[in-house]
C-alpha atoms as a PDB file:
ATOM      1  CA  LEU A   1     -55.566 -39.324 -35.063  1.00  0.00           C
ATOM      2  CA  ASN A   2     -57.413 -41.101 -32.275  1.00  0.00           C
ATOM      3  CA  THR A   3     -55.672 -38.886 -29.726  1.00  0.00           C
ATOM      4  CA  HIS A   4     -55.418 -39.872 -26.070  1.00  0.00           C
ATOM      5  CA  TRP A   5     -53.719 -38.048 -23.235  1.00  0.00           C
ATOM      6  CA  ALA A   6     -52.575 -38.820 -19.727  1.00  0.00           C
ATOM      7  CA  GLU A   7     -50.663 -37.221 -16.875  1.00  0.00           C
ATOM      8  CA  CYS A   8     -47.383 -38.992 -16.089  1.00  0.00           C
ATOM      9  CA  GLY A   9     -44.695 -37.631 -13.790  1.00  0.00           C
ATOM     10  CA  GLY A  10     -46.386 -34.244 -13.675  1.00  0.00           C
ATOM     11  CA  CYS A  11     -46.324 -34.006 -17.488  1.00  0.00           C
ATOM     12  CA  LEU A  12     -48.981 -34.037 -20.180  1.00  0.00           C
ATOM     13  CA  VAL A  13     -48.419 -37.068 -22.420  1.00  0.00           C
ATOM     14  CA  VAL A  14     -50.234 -37.172 -25.770  1.00  0.00           C
ATOM     15  CA  ARG A  15     -50.530 -40.353 -27.824  1.00  0.00           C
ATOM     16  CA  ASN A  16     -51.848 -40.383 -31.382  1.00  0.00           C
ATOM     17  CA  GLY A  17     -52.817 -43.500 -33.279  1.00  0.00           C
ATOM     18  CA  ALA A  18     -53.719 -44.246 -36.868  1.00  0.00           C
ATOM     19  CA  ASN A  19     -53.852 -47.538 -38.768  1.00  0.00           C
ATOM     20  CA  GLY A  20     -52.500 -49.486 -35.800  1.00  0.00           C
ATOM     21  CA  LYS A  21     -49.418 -47.272 -35.442  1.00  0.00           C
ATOM     22  CA  TYR A  22     -48.822 -45.002 -32.464  1.00  0.00           C
ATOM     23  CA  SER A  23     -46.752 -41.895 -31.912  1.00  0.00           C
ATOM     24  CA  PHE A  24     -46.213 -39.665 -28.914  1.00  0.00           C
ATOM     25  CA  ASP A  25     -45.702 -35.945 -28.524  1.00  0.00           C
ATOM     26  CA  TYR A  26     -42.751 -34.966 -26.383  1.00  0.00           C
ATOM     27  CA  PRO A  27     -44.061 -34.716 -22.785  1.00  0.00           C
ATOM     28  CA  VAL A  28     -45.163 -31.236 -21.718  1.00  0.00           C
ATOM     29  CA  PRO A  29     -44.014 -30.696 -18.133  1.00  0.00           C
ATOM     30  CA  GLY A  30     -46.152 -28.958 -15.544  1.00  0.00           C
ATOM     31  CA  PRO A  31     -44.613 -26.843 -12.766  1.00  0.00           C
ATOM     32  CA  GLU A  32     -43.207 -29.911 -10.975  1.00  0.00           C
ATOM     33  CA  GLY A  33     -43.025 -32.115 -14.061  1.00  0.00           C
ATOM     34  CA  ASP A  34     -40.387 -34.813 -14.511  1.00  0.00           C
ATOM     35  CA  VAL A  35     -39.944 -35.413 -18.238  1.00  0.00           C
ATOM     36  CA  ASP A  36     -37.745 -38.481 -17.709  1.00  0.00           C
ATOM     37  CA  LYS A  37     -40.464 -40.105 -15.597  1.00  0.00           C
ATOM     38  CA  ALA A  38     -42.990 -39.403 -18.367  1.00  0.00           C
ATOM     39  CA  LEU A  39     -40.616 -40.862 -20.976  1.00  0.00           C
ATOM     40  CA  GLU A  40     -40.255 -43.992 -18.835  1.00  0.00           C
ATOM     41  CA  ALA A  41     -44.049 -44.341 -18.698  1.00  0.00           C
ATOM     42  CA  ILE A  42     -44.215 -44.057 -22.494  1.00  0.00           C
ATOM     43  CA  GLU A  43     -41.474 -46.682 -22.868  1.00  0.00           C
ATOM     44  CA  GLU A  44     -43.274 -49.039 -20.466  1.00  0.00           C
ATOM     45  CA  TRP A  45     -46.562 -48.646 -22.349  1.00  0.00           C
ATOM     46  CA  CYS A  46     -44.886 -49.369 -25.698  1.00  0.00           C
ATOM     47  CA  THR A  47     -43.143 -52.429 -24.265  1.00  0.00           C
ATOM     48  CA  ALA A  48     -46.369 -53.747 -22.719  1.00  0.00           C
ATOM     49  CA  GLN A  49     -48.274 -53.215 -25.979  1.00  0.00           C
ATOM     50  CA  GLY A  50     -45.467 -54.557 -28.175  1.00  0.00           C
ATOM     51  CA  VAL A  51     -45.373 -51.447 -30.338  1.00  0.00           C
ATOM     52  CA  PRO A  52     -42.355 -49.444 -31.518  1.00  0.00           C
ATOM     53  CA  LEU A  53     -41.476 -46.273 -29.640  1.00  0.00           C
ATOM     54  CA  HIS A  54     -42.107 -43.300 -31.917  1.00  0.00           C
ATOM     55  CA  TYR A  55     -42.117 -39.579 -31.151  1.00  0.00           C
ATOM     56  CA  ALA A  56     -43.798 -37.402 -33.747  1.00  0.00           C
ATOM     57  CA  VAL A  57     -43.790 -33.977 -32.120  1.00  0.00           C
ATOM     58  CA  VAL A  58     -40.568 -32.940 -30.425  1.00  0.00           C
ATOM     59  CA  PRO A  59     -39.535 -29.334 -29.799  1.00  0.00           C
ATOM     60  CA  GLU A  60     -36.211 -28.558 -31.450  1.00  0.00           C
ATOM     61  CA  SER A  61     -34.755 -27.656 -28.061  1.00  0.00           C
ATOM     62  CA  ARG A  62     -35.499 -31.167 -26.721  1.00  0.00           C
ATOM     63  CA  VAL A  63     -34.119 -33.274 -29.601  1.00  0.00           C
ATOM     64  CA  CYS A  64     -30.688 -33.548 -27.921  1.00  0.00           C
ATOM     65  CA  HIS A  65     -32.347 -34.876 -24.767  1.00  0.00           C
ATOM     66  CA  LEU A  66     -33.954 -37.689 -26.760  1.00  0.00           C
ATOM     67  CA  LEU A  67     -30.753 -38.380 -28.703  1.00  0.00           C
ATOM     68  CA  SER A  68     -28.828 -38.806 -25.459  1.00  0.00           C
ATOM     69  CA  ARG A  69     -31.530 -41.135 -24.116  1.00  0.00           C
ATOM     70  CA  TYR A  70     -31.929 -43.223 -27.275  1.00  0.00           C
ATOM     71  CA  PRO A  71     -28.585 -43.629 -29.066  1.00  0.00           C
ATOM     72  CA  TYR A  72     -30.028 -45.678 -31.951  1.00  0.00           C
ATOM     73  CA  VAL A  73     -32.696 -43.458 -33.437  1.00  0.00           C
ATOM     74  CA  CYS A  74     -33.773 -42.003 -36.721  1.00  0.00           C
ATOM     75  CA  VAL A  75     -34.607 -38.299 -36.715  1.00  0.00           C
ATOM     76  CA  SER A  76     -36.591 -36.828 -39.576  1.00  0.00           C
ATOM     77  CA  ASP A  77     -38.242 -33.529 -40.300  1.00  0.00           C
ATOM     78  CA  ASP A  78     -40.708 -34.346 -43.036  1.00  0.00           C
ATOM     79  CA  ARG A  79     -43.799 -32.416 -42.048  1.00  0.00           C
ATOM     80  CA  THR A  80     -45.831 -31.866 -45.169  1.00  0.00           C
ATOM     81  CA  TRP A  81     -47.812 -29.065 -43.528  1.00  0.00           C
ATOM     82  CA  ARG A  82     -44.860 -26.922 -42.509  1.00  0.00           C
ATOM     83  CA  ASP A  83     -46.297 -23.980 -44.459  1.00  0.00           C
ATOM     84  CA  TYR A  84     -48.697 -23.498 -41.527  1.00  0.00           C
ATOM     85  CA  VAL A  85     -45.901 -23.073 -38.974  1.00  0.00           C
ATOM     86  CA  TYR A  86     -44.210 -19.684 -38.656  1.00  0.00           C
ATOM     87  CA  TYR A  87     -41.794 -18.008 -36.306  1.00  0.00           C
ATOM     88  CA  LYS A  88     -43.372 -15.121 -34.421  1.00  0.00           C
ATOM     89  CA  GLU A  89     -40.847 -12.649 -35.833  1.00  0.00           C
ATOM     90  CA  ASP A  90     -41.640 -13.753 -39.386  1.00  0.00           C
ATOM     91  CA  LEU A  91     -45.331 -13.025 -38.841  1.00  0.00           C
ATOM     92  CA  GLN A  92     -44.542  -9.616 -37.372  1.00  0.00           C
ATOM     93  CA  LEU A  93     -42.368  -8.455 -40.274  1.00  0.00           C
ATOM     94  CA  PHE A  94     -42.982 -10.639 -43.367  1.00  0.00           C
ATOM     95  CA  ALA A  95     -39.472  -9.622 -44.427  1.00  0.00           C
ATOM     96  CA  GLY A  96     -37.715 -10.941 -47.502  1.00  0.00           C
ATOM     97  CA  ARG A  97     -38.692 -12.521 -50.803  1.00  0.00           C
ATOM     98  CA  ARG A  98     -40.066 -15.584 -49.069  1.00  0.00           C
ATOM     99  CA  TYR A  99     -43.015 -13.568 -47.752  1.00  0.00           C
ATOM    100  CA  SER A 100     -43.782 -11.433 -50.823  1.00  0.00           C
ATOM    101  CA  GLY A 101     -47.006 -13.377 -51.415  1.00  0.00           C
ATOM    102  CA  GLN A 102     -48.193 -12.765 -47.863  1.00  0.00           C
ATOM    103  CA  ARG A 103     -47.376  -9.035 -48.140  1.00  0.00           C
ATOM    104  CA  ASN A 104     -49.406  -8.862 -51.367  1.00  0.00           C
ATOM    105  CA  HIS A 105     -52.353 -10.615 -49.701  1.00  0.00           C
ATOM    106  CA  ILE A 106     -52.232  -8.116 -46.843  1.00  0.00           C
ATOM    107  CA  LYS A 107     -52.185  -5.132 -49.230  1.00  0.00           C
ATOM    108  CA  LYS A 108     -55.141  -6.554 -51.159  1.00  0.00           C
ATOM    109  CA  PHE A 109     -57.032  -7.231 -47.917  1.00  0.00           C
ATOM    110  CA  ARG A 110     -56.414  -3.719 -46.573  1.00  0.00           C
ATOM    111  CA  ALA A 111     -57.673  -2.236 -49.836  1.00  0.00           C
ATOM    112  CA  GLN A 112     -60.877  -4.309 -49.635  1.00  0.00           C
ATOM    113  CA  TRP A 113     -61.466  -3.915 -45.866  1.00  0.00           C
ATOM    114  CA  PRO A 114     -59.833  -0.614 -44.782  1.00  0.00           C
ATOM    115  CA  GLU A 115     -61.968  -0.365 -41.612  1.00  0.00           C
ATOM    116  CA  ALA A 116     -61.285  -3.915 -40.398  1.00  0.00           C
ATOM    117  CA  GLU A 117     -60.192  -4.352 -36.808  1.00  0.00           C
ATOM    118  CA  VAL A 118     -59.152  -7.326 -34.674  1.00  0.00           C
ATOM    119  CA  ARG A 119     -60.831  -8.076 -31.402  1.00  0.00           C
ATOM    120  CA  ARG A 120     -61.044 -11.002 -29.039  1.00  0.00           C
ATOM    121  CA  LEU A 121     -64.086 -13.231 -29.507  1.00  0.00           C
ATOM    122  CA  THR A 122     -66.551 -13.310 -26.633  1.00  0.00           C
ATOM    123  CA  PRO A 123     -69.903 -15.067 -26.098  1.00  0.00           C
ATOM    124  CA  LYS A 124     -71.729 -11.934 -27.322  1.00  0.00           C
ATOM    125  CA  ASP A 125     -70.134 -12.517 -30.750  1.00  0.00           C
ATOM    126  CA  ALA A 126     -72.018 -15.830 -31.187  1.00  0.00           C
ATOM    127  CA  PRO A 127     -74.486 -14.397 -33.784  1.00  0.00           C
ATOM    128  CA  ALA A 128     -71.607 -12.961 -35.833  1.00  0.00           C
ATOM    129  CA  VAL A 129     -69.760 -16.301 -35.654  1.00  0.00           C
ATOM    130  CA  GLU A 130     -72.876 -18.194 -36.755  1.00  0.00           C
ATOM    131  CA  GLN A 131     -73.301 -15.824 -39.720  1.00  0.00           C
ATOM    132  CA  PHE A 132     -69.599 -16.216 -40.538  1.00  0.00           C
ATOM    133  CA  TRP A 133     -70.035 -20.006 -40.839  1.00  0.00           C
ATOM    134  CA  LYS A 134     -73.079 -19.550 -43.098  1.00  0.00           C
ATOM    135  CA  ASP A 135     -71.196 -17.104 -45.323  1.00  0.00           C
ATOM    136  CA  TYR A 136     -68.162 -19.378 -45.396  1.00  0.00           C
ATOM    137  CA  GLU A 137     -70.156 -22.436 -46.425  1.00  0.00           C
ATOM    138  CA  ALA A 138     -71.949 -20.430 -49.133  1.00  0.00           C
ATOM    139  CA  GLU A 139     -68.650 -19.221 -50.596  1.00  0.00           C
ATOM    140  CA  PHE A 140     -66.744 -22.497 -50.235  1.00  0.00           C
ATOM    141  CA  PRO A 141     -69.177 -25.399 -50.671  1.00  0.00           C
ATOM    142  CA  LYS A 142     -67.714 -28.622 -49.285  1.00  0.00           C
ATOM    143  CA  ALA A 143     -70.211 -31.068 -50.793  1.00  0.00           C
ATOM    144  CA  ASN A 144     -67.566 -33.006 -52.731  1.00  0.00           C
ATOM    145  CA  SER A 145     -65.005 -33.494 -49.937  1.00  0.00           C
ATOM    146  CA  LYS A 146     -65.799 -35.576 -46.879  1.00  0.00           C
ATOM    147  CA  SER A 147     -62.509 -34.669 -45.175  1.00  0.00           C
ATOM    148  CA  ALA A 148     -63.102 -30.935 -45.725  1.00  0.00           C
ATOM    149  CA  ARG A 149     -66.630 -31.218 -44.286  1.00  0.00           C
ATOM    150  CA  ASN A 150     -65.253 -33.070 -41.277  1.00  0.00           C
ATOM    151  CA  GLU A 151     -62.506 -30.458 -40.781  1.00  0.00           C
ATOM    152  CA  LEU A 152     -65.082 -27.650 -40.915  1.00  0.00           C
ATOM    153  CA  LYS A 153     -67.318 -29.469 -38.411  1.00  0.00           C
ATOM    154  CA  LEU A 154     -64.386 -29.924 -36.026  1.00  0.00           C
ATOM    155  CA  ALA A 155     -63.400 -26.249 -36.371  1.00  0.00           C
ATOM    156  CA  GLN A 156     -66.946 -25.238 -35.496  1.00  0.00           C
ATOM    157  CA  GLU A 157     -66.937 -27.559 -32.455  1.00  0.00           C
ATOM    158  CA  MET A 158     -63.548 -26.312 -31.252  1.00  0.00           C
ATOM    159  CA  LEU A 159     -64.617 -22.687 -31.584  1.00  0.00           C
ATOM    160  CA  LYS A 160     -67.254 -23.378 -28.934  1.00  0.00           C
ATOM    161  CA  LEU A 161     -64.339 -23.790 -26.479  1.00  0.00           C
ATOM    162  CA  VAL A 162     -63.065 -20.251 -27.034  1.00  0.00           C
ATOM    163  CA  ASN A 163     -63.797 -19.191 -23.447  1.00  0.00           C
ATOM    164  CA  LYS A 164     -61.839 -22.047 -21.875  1.00  0.00           C
ATOM    165  CA  PRO A 165     -58.539 -20.948 -20.302  1.00  0.00           C
ATOM    166  CA  PHE A 166     -56.452 -23.041 -22.712  1.00  0.00           C
ATOM    167  CA  PHE A 167     -57.898 -21.554 -25.920  1.00  0.00           C
ATOM    168  CA  ILE A 168     -58.053 -18.058 -27.307  1.00  0.00           C
ATOM    169  CA  GLY A 169     -60.005 -16.785 -30.276  1.00  0.00           C
ATOM    170  CA  GLY A 170     -59.976 -13.589 -32.220  1.00  0.00           C
ATOM    171  CA  GLY A 171     -62.032 -12.139 -34.985  1.00  0.00           C
ATOM    172  CA  LEU A 172     -61.404  -9.664 -37.745  1.00  0.00           C
ATOM    173  CA  PHE A 173     -64.480  -7.452 -37.853  1.00  0.00           C
ATOM    174  CA  CYS A 174     -65.650  -4.817 -40.263  1.00  0.00           C
ATOM    175  CA  GLY A 175     -68.249  -3.094 -38.122  1.00  0.00           C
ATOM    176  CA  GLU A 176     -70.237  -5.992 -36.671  1.00  0.00           C
ATOM    177  CA  LYS A 177     -69.533  -8.340 -39.589  1.00  0.00           C
ATOM    178  CA  LEU A 178     -67.016 -11.070 -38.816  1.00  0.00           C
ATOM    179  CA  ILE A 179     -64.832 -11.493 -41.904  1.00  0.00           C
ATOM    180  CA  ALA A 180     -62.126 -13.782 -40.521  1.00  0.00           C
ATOM    181  CA  LEU A 181     -61.408 -15.672 -37.357  1.00  0.00           C
ATOM    182  CA  SER A 182     -58.503 -17.278 -35.623  1.00  0.00           C
ATOM    183  CA  PHE A 183     -58.417 -19.848 -32.878  1.00  0.00           C
ATOM    184  CA  ALA A 184     -55.339 -20.951 -30.981  1.00  0.00           C
ATOM    185  CA  GLU A 185     -54.220 -23.100 -28.105  1.00  0.00           C
ATOM    186  CA  ARG A 186     -52.287 -21.343 -25.352  1.00  0.00           C
ATOM    187  CA  CYS A 187     -48.824 -22.879 -25.155  1.00  0.00           C
END
C-alpha cells in the first residue's frame, strides 16, 4: 500500500497509496491531539497534490464527525476482508449459529492438542518461532503464489518487532513446540 505516516496536530496521520490513488486513515489523536488540525493538514496536502480526498479507515464512532465536516460525501462499507474483524465479545463467546464453524474448529483443536497453552512470546522463544516457520512452510508450500510468499515474508519481518511497545505477540505451545502464533498492534 506504499504506506506513509506523519504527525500533524498531535495526531498520527497514515496515508496509503496504490496505482496513483491515495487514501487516509482517520487521524489517531495523541494525548493533546487536535483531529481537526490533522484533517486540515490532510486537506491541504490533497489540494497541493491535486488528488481527491479519500478516507479508507474511519472508526464507526467518528463517521458523524466527517459527515458534519464534509456534507457532500459518499460513505461505503465494502471491506472484502471483514471476516478477519471481530468484536471482542464475539471472540469470547462464539455464540449463535454464525460462529458454529469456529466452535467446531475449537473442539477439533482441543481434541488434537489437549495440553496446549497460550503464553506471551519473548526473545527466548526465537528457536521455537524459527522451527514454527519451517514447519509452516513445509505444510503450506507457497511456491506458486508470489503474493502469499510476500505476505509470509512480511509476517516473519513483523514478528521480529514483537518486543517493541506497540506490538504484542503470543504463542500457542504444546510443551516447547510452537503450534500457532498471533501478533497484534496495541491500539
